N, C-alpha and C. Protein backbone atom coordinates (compact mmCIF):
# COMPACT_ATOMS: atom_id res chain seq x y z
N UNK A 1 64.78 139.61 102.89
CA UNK A 1 66.03 138.17 103.64
C UNK A 1 66.30 137.30 103.73
N UNK A 2 64.24 136.70 103.23
CA UNK A 2 64.78 135.06 102.71
C UNK A 2 65.54 135.12 100.83
N UNK A 3 65.60 135.85 100.41
CA UNK A 3 66.49 135.33 99.75
C UNK A 3 67.58 134.94 99.82
N UNK A 4 68.37 135.95 101.24
CA UNK A 4 69.81 135.75 101.45
C UNK A 4 69.82 134.48 101.94
N UNK A 5 69.14 134.19 102.54
CA UNK A 5 68.96 132.45 103.47
C UNK A 5 68.74 131.55 102.36
N UNK A 6 67.74 131.50 101.50
CA UNK A 6 68.47 130.75 100.26
C UNK A 6 69.72 130.47 99.48
N UNK A 7 70.13 131.34 99.56
CA UNK A 7 71.35 131.85 98.63
C UNK A 7 72.43 131.27 99.19
N UNK A 8 72.14 131.64 100.64
CA UNK A 8 73.04 131.31 101.72
C UNK A 8 73.27 129.30 101.84
N UNK A 9 72.19 128.71 102.00
CA UNK A 9 72.08 127.75 101.67
C UNK A 9 72.37 126.64 100.56
N UNK A 10 71.77 127.54 99.35
CA UNK A 10 72.51 127.24 98.81
C UNK A 10 74.14 126.74 98.10
N UNK A 11 74.58 127.86 98.59
CA UNK A 11 76.24 128.08 98.64
C UNK A 11 76.95 126.66 99.52
N UNK A 12 75.64 126.36 100.54
CA UNK A 12 76.56 125.45 101.72
C UNK A 12 76.66 124.43 101.02
N UNK A 13 75.42 123.96 100.13
CA UNK A 13 74.42 122.96 99.31
C UNK A 13 75.78 121.99 98.39
N UNK A 14 75.86 123.55 97.40
CA UNK A 14 76.18 122.89 96.49
C UNK A 14 77.81 121.70 96.98
N UNK A 15 78.49 121.96 96.80
CA UNK A 15 79.60 121.07 97.21
C UNK A 15 79.16 119.71 97.52
N UNK A 16 78.21 119.82 98.21
CA UNK A 16 77.55 118.39 98.69
C UNK A 16 76.59 117.38 97.44
N UNK A 17 76.57 118.69 96.58
CA UNK A 17 75.76 117.75 95.12
C UNK A 17 77.15 117.53 94.04
N UNK A 18 78.20 118.31 94.51
CA UNK A 18 78.95 117.72 93.64
C UNK A 18 79.86 116.30 92.94
N UNK A 19 79.96 115.75 92.20
CA UNK A 19 80.44 114.32 91.98
C UNK A 19 81.86 114.40 92.65
N UNK A 20 82.53 112.98 93.87
CA UNK A 20 83.62 113.10 93.78
C UNK A 20 84.65 113.72 92.69
N UNK A 21 85.77 114.09 92.62
CA UNK A 21 86.83 114.03 91.53
C UNK A 21 87.35 112.59 91.39
N UNK A 22 87.27 111.84 90.19
CA UNK A 22 87.89 110.87 90.03
C UNK A 22 89.20 110.97 90.31
N UNK A 23 89.57 109.74 90.24
CA UNK A 23 91.14 109.15 90.62
C UNK A 23 91.57 109.20 89.14
N UNK A 24 92.84 109.49 88.55
CA UNK A 24 93.13 110.07 87.05
C UNK A 24 94.00 108.74 87.35
N UNK A 25 93.90 107.68 86.39
CA UNK A 25 94.66 106.34 86.09
C UNK A 25 95.77 106.55 85.52
N UNK A 26 96.70 105.51 85.27
CA UNK A 26 97.54 105.50 84.15
C UNK A 26 98.43 103.97 84.57
N UNK A 27 98.16 103.70 82.85
CA UNK A 27 98.19 101.99 82.70
C UNK A 27 100.32 102.92 82.98
N UNK A 28 100.16 101.25 83.90
CA UNK A 28 101.63 100.87 84.79
C UNK A 28 101.92 99.18 83.80
N UNK A 29 103.32 98.85 84.35
CA UNK A 29 102.84 97.60 84.17
C UNK A 29 105.00 97.14 85.52
N UNK A 30 104.42 96.87 86.47
CA UNK A 30 105.03 96.38 87.66
C UNK A 30 105.85 95.45 87.75
N UNK A 31 107.22 95.03 88.02
CA UNK A 31 107.40 93.48 88.62
C UNK A 31 107.63 94.09 90.43
N UNK A 32 107.09 93.08 91.31
CA UNK A 32 107.17 92.29 92.54
C UNK A 32 106.42 91.51 93.43
N UNK A 33 106.26 91.14 94.35
CA UNK A 33 105.84 90.35 95.36
C UNK A 33 104.19 90.51 95.36
N UNK A 34 103.60 89.87 95.37
CA UNK A 34 102.32 89.91 95.41
C UNK A 34 102.74 89.62 97.50
N UNK A 35 101.80 90.62 97.92
CA UNK A 35 102.48 90.11 100.11
C UNK A 35 100.55 90.63 100.46
N UNK A 36 100.89 89.87 101.46
CA UNK A 36 99.60 90.12 102.60
C UNK A 36 99.71 91.37 102.92
N UNK A 37 98.78 92.14 103.19
CA UNK A 37 99.04 93.84 103.40
C UNK A 37 98.99 93.61 105.47
N UNK A 38 97.86 92.44 105.66
CA UNK A 38 97.39 93.25 107.06
C UNK A 38 98.84 93.42 108.03
N UNK A 39 99.71 91.89 107.58
CA UNK A 39 100.44 91.16 108.10
C UNK A 39 102.17 92.85 107.69
N UNK A 40 102.19 93.05 106.42
CA UNK A 40 103.30 94.03 105.73
C UNK A 40 103.00 96.01 106.59
N UNK A 41 102.13 95.82 106.67
CA UNK A 41 101.86 96.34 107.73
C UNK A 41 101.97 96.72 108.70
N UNK A 42 101.20 95.72 109.51
CA UNK A 42 100.76 96.07 111.19
C UNK A 42 101.75 95.45 111.66
N UNK A 43 103.10 94.67 111.47
CA UNK A 43 103.65 94.41 111.61
C UNK A 43 104.05 92.84 112.99
N UNK A 44 102.70 92.57 112.52
CA UNK A 44 102.05 91.46 113.88
C UNK A 44 103.15 90.16 113.94
N UNK A 45 103.53 89.99 112.89
CA UNK A 45 104.42 88.76 112.39
C UNK A 45 106.16 89.42 112.00
N UNK A 46 105.83 90.17 112.78
CA UNK A 46 107.90 91.02 112.34
C UNK A 46 108.18 91.71 110.84
N UNK A 47 109.23 92.26 111.04
CA UNK A 47 109.77 93.41 110.49
C UNK A 47 108.75 93.22 109.43
N UNK A 48 109.37 94.12 108.26
CA UNK A 48 109.20 93.94 106.17
C UNK A 48 109.74 92.24 106.32
N UNK A 49 110.99 92.63 106.56
CA UNK A 49 111.69 90.82 105.67
C UNK A 49 111.09 89.67 105.74
N UNK A 50 110.14 89.85 107.66
CA UNK A 50 109.85 88.66 107.79
C UNK A 50 108.21 88.08 107.07
N UNK A 51 107.93 89.38 106.48
CA UNK A 51 106.47 88.89 106.28
C UNK A 51 105.96 88.39 104.85
N UNK A 52 108.12 87.97 104.08
CA UNK A 52 107.01 88.53 102.72
C UNK A 52 107.84 86.83 102.30
N UNK A 53 108.18 86.43 100.70
CA UNK A 53 108.41 85.36 100.74
C UNK A 53 108.13 83.96 101.26
N UNK A 54 109.20 82.71 100.83
CA UNK A 54 108.60 81.79 101.16
C UNK A 54 108.12 81.26 102.82
N UNK A 55 108.79 82.73 103.57
CA UNK A 55 108.55 81.90 104.94
C UNK A 55 107.20 82.27 105.62
N UNK A 56 107.01 83.32 104.64
CA UNK A 56 105.48 83.92 104.85
C UNK A 56 104.35 83.72 103.81
N UNK A 57 104.40 82.61 102.90
CA UNK A 57 103.68 81.63 102.09
C UNK A 57 102.38 81.08 102.32
N UNK A 58 102.22 80.54 103.89
CA UNK A 58 100.77 80.48 104.44
C UNK A 58 100.61 81.09 105.05
N UNK A 59 100.97 82.04 105.97
CA UNK A 59 99.93 82.74 106.23
C UNK A 59 99.42 84.44 105.73
N UNK A 60 100.60 84.08 104.27
CA UNK A 60 99.52 85.06 103.93
C UNK A 60 98.27 84.60 102.81
N UNK A 61 98.53 83.22 101.99
CA UNK A 61 97.10 82.21 101.75
C UNK A 61 95.80 82.36 102.93
N UNK A 62 96.28 82.81 104.07
CA UNK A 62 95.31 82.41 105.07
C UNK A 62 94.20 83.58 105.25
N UNK A 63 95.26 84.80 105.12
CA UNK A 63 95.31 86.43 105.54
C UNK A 63 94.14 86.81 104.08
N UNK A 64 94.47 85.74 102.88
CA UNK A 64 93.75 86.74 101.18
C UNK A 64 92.18 85.34 101.69
N UNK A 65 92.49 84.81 102.36
CA UNK A 65 91.39 83.55 102.26
C UNK A 65 90.48 83.65 103.00
N UNK A 66 90.58 84.52 103.81
CA UNK A 66 90.07 85.70 105.16
C UNK A 66 89.43 87.29 104.74
N UNK A 67 90.35 87.52 104.15
CA UNK A 67 89.38 88.60 103.10
C UNK A 67 90.58 89.38 103.12
N UNK A 68 91.63 89.35 103.72
CA UNK A 68 92.80 91.07 103.30
C UNK A 68 92.50 90.96 102.20
N UNK A 69 92.83 92.42 102.00
CA UNK A 69 93.63 92.31 100.51
C UNK A 69 94.49 92.56 100.33
N UNK A 70 95.10 91.80 99.13
CA UNK A 70 96.67 91.68 98.54
C UNK A 70 97.14 92.76 98.25
N UNK A 71 98.48 92.77 98.38
CA UNK A 71 99.05 94.48 98.04
C UNK A 71 100.16 93.54 97.08
N UNK A 72 100.89 94.27 96.59
CA UNK A 72 102.05 94.11 95.12
C UNK A 72 103.58 95.00 95.39
N UNK A 73 104.37 94.31 96.50
CA UNK A 73 105.59 94.90 96.68
C UNK A 73 106.79 95.38 95.64
N UNK A 74 106.81 96.48 94.93
CA UNK A 74 106.99 96.46 94.03
C UNK A 74 109.14 96.57 94.45
N UNK A 75 109.98 96.11 92.87
CA UNK A 75 110.88 96.19 93.41
C UNK A 75 111.47 97.04 94.34
N UNK A 76 111.34 98.79 93.79
CA UNK A 76 111.43 100.25 94.93
C UNK A 76 110.91 100.35 95.95
N UNK A 77 110.12 98.98 96.35
CA UNK A 77 109.89 99.14 98.02
C UNK A 77 108.16 100.02 97.97
N UNK A 78 107.94 100.28 97.15
CA UNK A 78 106.48 100.91 96.78
C UNK A 78 105.52 99.84 96.86
N UNK A 79 104.25 99.58 97.75
CA UNK A 79 103.62 99.12 97.61
C UNK A 79 102.15 99.86 97.00
N UNK A 80 101.29 99.12 95.87
CA UNK A 80 100.48 98.88 95.51
C UNK A 80 99.40 98.18 96.13
N UNK A 81 98.21 98.50 96.53
CA UNK A 81 96.80 98.00 97.35
C UNK A 81 96.23 97.13 95.35
N UNK A 82 96.05 95.80 96.19
CA UNK A 82 95.73 95.59 93.99
C UNK A 82 94.33 95.58 94.43
N UNK A 83 93.50 95.96 93.49
CA UNK A 83 91.86 95.98 93.41
C UNK A 83 91.52 95.06 92.47
N UNK A 84 91.62 94.04 92.48
CA UNK A 84 91.04 93.54 91.46
C UNK A 84 92.30 92.76 90.47
N UNK A 85 92.47 91.70 90.13
CA UNK A 85 93.38 90.50 89.35
C UNK A 85 92.55 90.72 88.42
N UNK A 86 93.17 90.30 87.52
CA UNK A 86 92.71 90.36 85.51
C UNK A 86 90.79 89.89 85.98
N UNK A 87 91.02 88.47 85.66
CA UNK A 87 88.91 88.06 85.60
C UNK A 87 88.38 87.91 86.65
N UNK A 88 89.60 87.91 87.98
CA UNK A 88 88.89 87.56 89.71
C UNK A 88 88.05 88.84 89.96
N UNK A 89 87.20 88.34 90.92
CA UNK A 89 85.30 89.51 90.37
C UNK A 89 86.35 89.67 91.95
N UNK A 90 86.94 89.22 92.59
CA UNK A 90 86.97 89.44 94.62
C UNK A 90 88.35 90.49 95.01
N UNK A 91 88.30 91.24 95.46
CA UNK A 91 89.46 91.89 95.44
C UNK A 91 90.47 91.67 96.96
N UNK A 92 90.22 90.49 97.58
CA UNK A 92 90.62 89.18 98.64
C UNK A 92 89.59 88.02 98.61
N UNK A 93 90.29 87.10 98.62
CA UNK A 93 90.01 86.02 98.47
C UNK A 93 89.70 85.07 97.68
N UNK A 94 89.97 85.84 96.27
CA UNK A 94 90.02 85.15 94.37
C UNK A 94 90.80 83.67 94.53
N UNK A 95 90.38 83.67 93.70
CA UNK A 95 91.25 81.76 93.13
C UNK A 95 92.56 82.95 93.31
N UNK A 96 92.78 84.08 92.06
CA UNK A 96 94.32 84.19 91.23
C UNK A 96 94.98 85.04 92.20
N UNK A 97 94.35 85.21 93.47
CA UNK A 97 94.63 85.93 94.48
C UNK A 97 95.84 84.57 95.09
N UNK A 98 94.51 83.59 96.05
CA UNK A 98 95.27 82.74 96.52
C UNK A 98 96.46 82.07 95.65
N UNK A 99 96.05 81.59 94.54
CA UNK A 99 97.08 81.30 93.67
C UNK A 99 98.40 81.91 93.67
N UNK A 100 98.57 83.25 93.56
CA UNK A 100 100.15 83.93 93.01
C UNK A 100 100.69 84.57 94.57
N UNK A 101 99.81 83.74 95.89
CA UNK A 101 100.06 84.88 96.84
C UNK A 101 101.90 84.39 96.76
N UNK A 102 103.04 85.49 97.71
CA UNK A 102 104.14 85.22 98.34
C UNK A 102 104.69 85.25 96.73
N UNK A 103 103.85 85.40 94.92
CA UNK A 103 104.71 84.78 94.23
C UNK A 103 105.45 85.93 93.95
N UNK A 104 106.48 85.95 92.84
CA UNK A 104 107.54 87.56 92.06
C UNK A 104 106.58 87.24 90.90
N UNK A 105 105.33 88.59 90.78
CA UNK A 105 104.73 89.01 89.53
C UNK A 105 105.17 90.13 89.05
N UNK A 106 104.81 89.87 86.95
CA UNK A 106 104.82 90.76 86.61
C UNK A 106 103.43 91.46 85.76
N UNK A 107 103.25 92.52 86.49
CA UNK A 107 101.70 92.88 86.59
C UNK A 107 101.63 94.22 85.36
N UNK A 108 100.37 94.08 84.79
CA UNK A 108 100.20 95.41 84.06
C UNK A 108 98.51 95.99 84.07
N UNK A 109 98.40 97.18 84.37
CA UNK A 109 97.56 97.64 84.85
C UNK A 109 97.12 98.88 84.71
N UNK A 110 96.25 99.28 85.51
CA UNK A 110 96.04 100.46 86.00
C UNK A 110 96.90 101.04 87.58
N UNK A 111 96.89 101.88 87.63
CA UNK A 111 97.72 102.95 88.46
C UNK A 111 96.70 103.92 89.30
N UNK A 112 96.89 104.07 90.29
CA UNK A 112 95.80 105.36 90.79
C UNK A 112 96.52 105.84 92.12
N UNK A 113 96.34 106.48 92.35
CA UNK A 113 97.21 106.97 93.37
C UNK A 113 95.92 108.45 94.16
N UNK A 114 96.29 108.41 94.78
CA UNK A 114 94.68 108.84 95.96
C UNK A 114 95.39 108.87 97.80
N UNK A 115 95.10 109.97 97.64
CA UNK A 115 95.82 110.55 99.67
C UNK A 115 96.83 109.95 100.00
N UNK A 116 98.47 109.67 99.27
CA UNK A 116 99.04 109.13 99.07
C UNK A 116 99.33 107.79 99.01
N UNK A 117 98.51 107.20 98.79
CA UNK A 117 98.01 105.30 99.17
C UNK A 117 98.01 105.15 97.47
N UNK A 118 98.96 103.97 96.31
CA UNK A 118 98.58 103.59 95.76
C UNK A 118 97.78 102.37 95.51
N UNK A 119 96.89 102.42 94.08
CA UNK A 119 96.38 100.83 94.02
C UNK A 119 96.44 100.82 92.55
N UNK A 120 96.28 99.31 92.44
CA UNK A 120 96.63 98.59 91.31
C UNK A 120 95.62 98.14 90.64
N UNK A 121 94.54 98.36 89.38
CA UNK A 121 93.80 97.72 88.84
C UNK A 121 94.61 96.52 87.99
N UNK A 122 94.68 94.85 88.13
CA UNK A 122 95.65 94.56 87.18
C UNK A 122 95.01 94.22 85.83
N UNK A 123 94.72 94.22 84.93
CA UNK A 123 94.57 93.21 83.44
C UNK A 123 94.74 92.47 83.22
N UNK A 124 96.05 92.13 83.92
CA UNK A 124 97.30 91.14 83.53
C UNK A 124 98.53 90.71 83.88
N UNK A 125 98.25 89.54 84.28
CA UNK A 125 99.56 89.42 85.57
C UNK A 125 100.36 88.46 83.65
N UNK A 126 101.44 89.55 83.52
CA UNK A 126 102.57 89.55 81.75
C UNK A 126 103.48 88.07 82.81
N UNK A 127 103.65 87.99 83.76
CA UNK A 127 104.85 86.96 84.47
C UNK A 127 105.01 86.51 85.26
N UNK A 128 104.86 84.81 85.56
CA UNK A 128 104.43 84.96 87.25
C UNK A 128 105.83 83.51 87.61
N UNK A 129 106.69 84.66 88.49
CA UNK A 129 107.89 83.44 88.12
C UNK A 129 108.02 82.75 89.60
N UNK A 130 106.78 82.84 90.12
CA UNK A 130 106.31 81.53 91.72
C UNK A 130 106.94 82.34 92.46
N UNK A 131 107.34 81.86 93.74
CA UNK A 131 107.98 82.40 94.61
C UNK A 131 109.53 81.48 94.41
N UNK A 132 110.30 83.26 95.02
CA UNK A 132 111.56 83.47 94.08
C UNK A 132 111.70 83.99 95.74
N UNK A 133 112.17 84.46 96.72
CA UNK A 133 112.05 84.89 97.88
C UNK A 133 112.28 83.85 98.47
N UNK A 134 113.14 83.41 99.31
CA UNK A 134 113.61 82.10 99.76
C UNK A 134 113.59 82.70 101.60
N UNK A 135 112.96 83.39 101.86
CA UNK A 135 113.18 83.30 103.47
C UNK A 135 113.21 82.43 104.81
N UNK A 136 112.63 81.55 103.95
CA UNK A 136 112.45 80.64 104.84
C UNK A 136 113.85 79.88 105.59
N UNK A 137 115.17 80.22 104.83
CA UNK A 137 115.56 79.86 104.66
C UNK A 137 116.52 80.39 106.33
N UNK A 138 115.83 82.29 106.22
CA UNK A 138 116.32 83.00 107.92
C UNK A 138 115.24 82.86 108.66
N UNK A 139 114.15 82.96 107.81
CA UNK A 139 112.99 82.73 109.32
C UNK A 139 111.92 81.18 109.33
N UNK A 140 112.52 80.49 108.88
CA UNK A 140 111.60 79.34 109.11
C UNK A 140 110.53 78.82 107.56
N UNK A 141 109.75 78.09 107.78
CA UNK A 141 108.65 78.30 106.76
C UNK A 141 107.57 78.86 107.32
N UNK A 142 107.73 78.67 109.18
CA UNK A 142 106.61 79.66 109.65
C UNK A 142 107.72 80.38 111.06
N UNK A 143 107.74 81.54 110.91
CA UNK A 143 108.38 82.30 112.01
C UNK A 143 108.25 82.06 113.13
N UNK A 144 109.11 81.45 114.08
CA UNK A 144 109.57 80.86 115.09
C UNK A 144 108.00 82.03 116.73
N UNK A 145 108.82 83.63 116.12
CA UNK A 145 107.49 84.22 116.87
C UNK A 145 106.41 84.43 116.62
N UNK A 146 105.90 83.76 115.66
CA UNK A 146 104.18 84.11 115.49
C UNK A 146 103.53 82.74 116.63
N UNK A 147 104.72 81.82 117.08
CA UNK A 147 103.93 81.18 118.18
C UNK A 147 104.26 81.33 120.03
N UNK A 148 102.52 81.80 120.73
CA UNK A 148 102.94 82.11 121.54
C UNK A 148 103.88 81.14 122.74
N UNK A 149 104.46 81.62 123.48
CA UNK A 149 106.00 80.13 124.41
C UNK A 149 104.82 80.10 125.18
N UNK A 150 105.28 78.49 125.65
CA UNK A 150 103.73 77.58 125.67
C UNK A 150 104.55 77.68 127.75
N UNK A 151 105.58 78.62 127.72
CA UNK A 151 106.19 78.59 129.03
C UNK A 151 105.67 79.96 129.69
N UNK A 152 104.88 80.97 128.91
CA UNK A 152 104.57 82.14 129.98
C UNK A 152 103.34 82.00 130.11
């Protein structure tokens, strides 16, 4: 009987001893805008069109400086969570991320997908086209709905 319990215990604990399977990476090159993931996903500052480009540049800087990870919104609408850019050791608030906020870039790096999420470890920013998405013409430099109404 004792042998049965040892075998059962060993069988139950075996999965805990195995290392988690690492996600397979694929080298890709993707073009898109460096975005503020908090505002993009939460909708706190408006819909997806309002939280990109020149209208959202200042907020994207503040969010990144505050530790919110940046993302890369690809031309096809795929969002990649950026884990690292080139030599910058930080995944958020690093100098590289701050200098690229709201910029359209072409990035070369390793793409990982796990549990339906896309991650990108950028080896090199191949091109930086600056801020090309002029959304401030539609939303202002800071979207007006981001300020509380003083009359309420």
